Protein backbone atom coordinates (compact mmCIF):
# COMPACT_ATOMS: atom_id res chain seq x y z
CA UNK A 1 22.71 -43.72 16.59
CA UNK A 2 24.32 -40.88 14.88
CA UNK A 3 25.99 -38.15 16.46
CA UNK A 4 23.43 -35.54 15.08
CA UNK A 5 20.74 -37.53 16.81
CA UNK A 6 22.45 -37.54 20.01
CA UNK A 7 23.16 -34.27 20.02
CA UNK A 8 19.57 -33.06 19.36
CA UNK A 9 17.75 -36.00 21.87
CA UNK A 10 20.18 -34.35 24.49
CA UNK A 11 19.21 -30.76 24.09
CA UNK A 12 15.51 -32.44 24.00
CA UNK A 13 15.87 -34.06 27.11
CA UNK A 14 17.91 -31.19 29.06
CA UNK A 15 15.12 -28.84 27.59
CA UNK A 16 12.48 -30.79 29.23
CA UNK A 17 14.33 -31.13 32.59
CA UNK A 18 14.89 -27.12 33.03
CA UNK A 19 10.92 -27.34 31.91
CA UNK A 20 10.35 -29.36 34.58
CA UNK A 21 12.42 -28.00 37.18
CA UNK A 22 11.45 -25.13 36.73
CA UNK A 23 7.74 -25.58 37.17
CA UNK A 24 8.19 -27.50 40.22
CA UNK A 25 10.28 -24.44 42.00
CA UNK A 26 6.92 -22.29 40.48
CA UNK A 27 4.39 -24.47 42.36
CA UNK A 28 6.63 -24.54 45.60
CA UNK A 29 6.96 -20.87 45.12
CA UNK A 30 3.19 -20.14 45.38
CA UNK A 31 2.07 -22.19 48.10
CA UNK A 32 4.91 -20.44 50.23
CA UNK A 33 3.07 -17.15 48.82
CA UNK A 34 -0.70 -17.83 50.61
CA UNK A 35 0.27 -18.56 54.24
CA UNK A 36 -2.20 -18.35 56.87
CA UNK A 37 -5.64 -17.95 55.53
CA UNK A 38 -8.82 -17.32 57.16
CA UNK A 39 -10.19 -20.55 58.54
CA UNK A 40 -13.54 -20.59 56.26
CA UNK A 41 -10.67 -21.09 53.42
CA UNK A 42 -8.73 -23.51 55.15
CA UNK A 43 -10.72 -26.36 52.75
CA UNK A 44 -10.15 -24.83 49.09
CA UNK A 45 -6.16 -24.32 50.36
CA UNK A 46 -6.12 -27.87 51.93
CA UNK A 47 -7.57 -29.45 48.62
CA UNK A 48 -5.02 -26.44 45.98
CA UNK A 49 -2.31 -28.26 48.15
CA UNK A 50 -3.32 -31.62 47.46
CA UNK A 51 -3.84 -31.02 43.84
CA UNK A 52 -0.61 -29.21 43.74
CA UNK A 53 1.27 -32.42 45.36
CA UNK A 54 -0.09 -34.33 42.96
CA UNK A 55 0.86 -32.26 40.46
CA UNK A 56 4.25 -32.09 41.96
CA UNK A 57 4.38 -36.41 41.70
CA UNK A 58 3.65 -36.02 38.04
CA UNK A 59 6.44 -33.39 37.70
CA UNK A 60 9.24 -35.84 39.70
CA UNK A 61 7.84 -39.17 37.73
CA UNK A 62 8.19 -37.31 34.38
CA UNK A 63 11.89 -35.56 35.63
CA UNK A 64 12.93 -39.01 36.84
CA UNK A 65 12.21 -40.67 33.30
CA UNK A 66 14.14 -37.71 31.23
CA UNK A 67 17.02 -38.31 33.62
CA UNK A 68 16.78 -42.02 32.67
CA UNK A 69 17.13 -40.89 29.36
CA UNK A 70 20.35 -38.90 29.56
CA UNK A 71 21.63 -41.78 31.83
CA UNK A 72 20.72 -44.15 28.06
CA UNK A 73 22.55 -41.38 26.17
CA UNK A 74 25.79 -41.53 28.55
CA UNK A 75 25.69 -45.48 28.56
CA UNK A 76 24.91 -45.83 24.49
CA UNK A 77 21.75 -47.02 24.85
CA UNK A 78 19.18 -44.75 24.08
CA UNK A 79 16.00 -45.62 21.50
CA UNK A 80 16.55 -49.00 22.28
CA UNK A 81 13.51 -50.13 23.57
CA UNK A 82 13.66 -51.82 27.13
CA UNK A 83 11.32 -54.36 26.73
CA UNK A 84 12.49 -56.02 23.20
CA UNK A 85 15.72 -54.59 22.32
CA UNK A 86 14.65 -53.31 19.22
CA UNK A 87 15.23 -50.42 17.77
CA UNK A 88 13.11 -47.18 19.06
CA UNK A 89 11.65 -45.30 16.04
CA UNK A 90 12.43 -41.85 15.86
CA UNK A 91 9.63 -40.43 15.12
CA UNK A 92 8.27 -41.65 18.46
CA UNK A 93 11.87 -40.02 20.29
CA UNK A 94 10.86 -36.77 18.53
CA UNK A 95 7.11 -36.95 19.96
CA UNK A 96 8.60 -38.70 23.75
CA UNK A 97 12.24 -37.80 23.82
CA UNK A 98 12.49 -39.90 27.64
CA UNK A 99 10.45 -42.69 25.35
CA UNK A 100 11.50 -46.05 27.26
CA UNK A 101 9.58 -48.61 24.83
CA UNK A 102 8.55 -49.04 21.13
CA UNK A 103 4.95 -48.23 20.39
CA UNK A 104 4.18 -51.99 20.30
CA UNK A 105 5.61 -52.78 24.05
CA UNK A 106 3.94 -49.92 25.14
CA UNK A 107 0.45 -51.10 24.09
CA UNK A 108 1.13 -54.54 25.41
CA UNK A 109 2.24 -53.45 28.74
CA UNK A 110 -0.56 -51.28 28.96
CA UNK A 111 -3.04 -54.00 28.51
CA UNK A 112 -1.14 -56.11 30.57
CA UNK A 113 -2.32 -53.22 33.71
CA UNK A 114 -5.55 -52.83 32.59
CA UNK A 115 -6.23 -56.90 32.73
CA UNK A 116 -4.45 -57.24 36.29
CA UNK A 117 -5.83 -53.82 37.90
């Protein structure tokens, strides 16, 4: 991958990492500010905490994928599909800079998960 492309993708990945970390921080601050609530409001608070934890899990997964992509950039394997080892098209990387698989392999893996699940 060209040096200029690596720089562009590194900037995109670092920006995404900051965005996810910032969102996680805001969610924790919001929960901390809620403090004690009336008993009749506890069900809503419990539901909100459940939703927040689920969203945090999604954010942590996205953060993990971004960190893995940065590692691949450092090791020289960025932009190579982890399944077929073919280059991932730049258009896909611009849309999803932490992509691990080309579209074909991603679709095949998704179909396999649906069939086995």
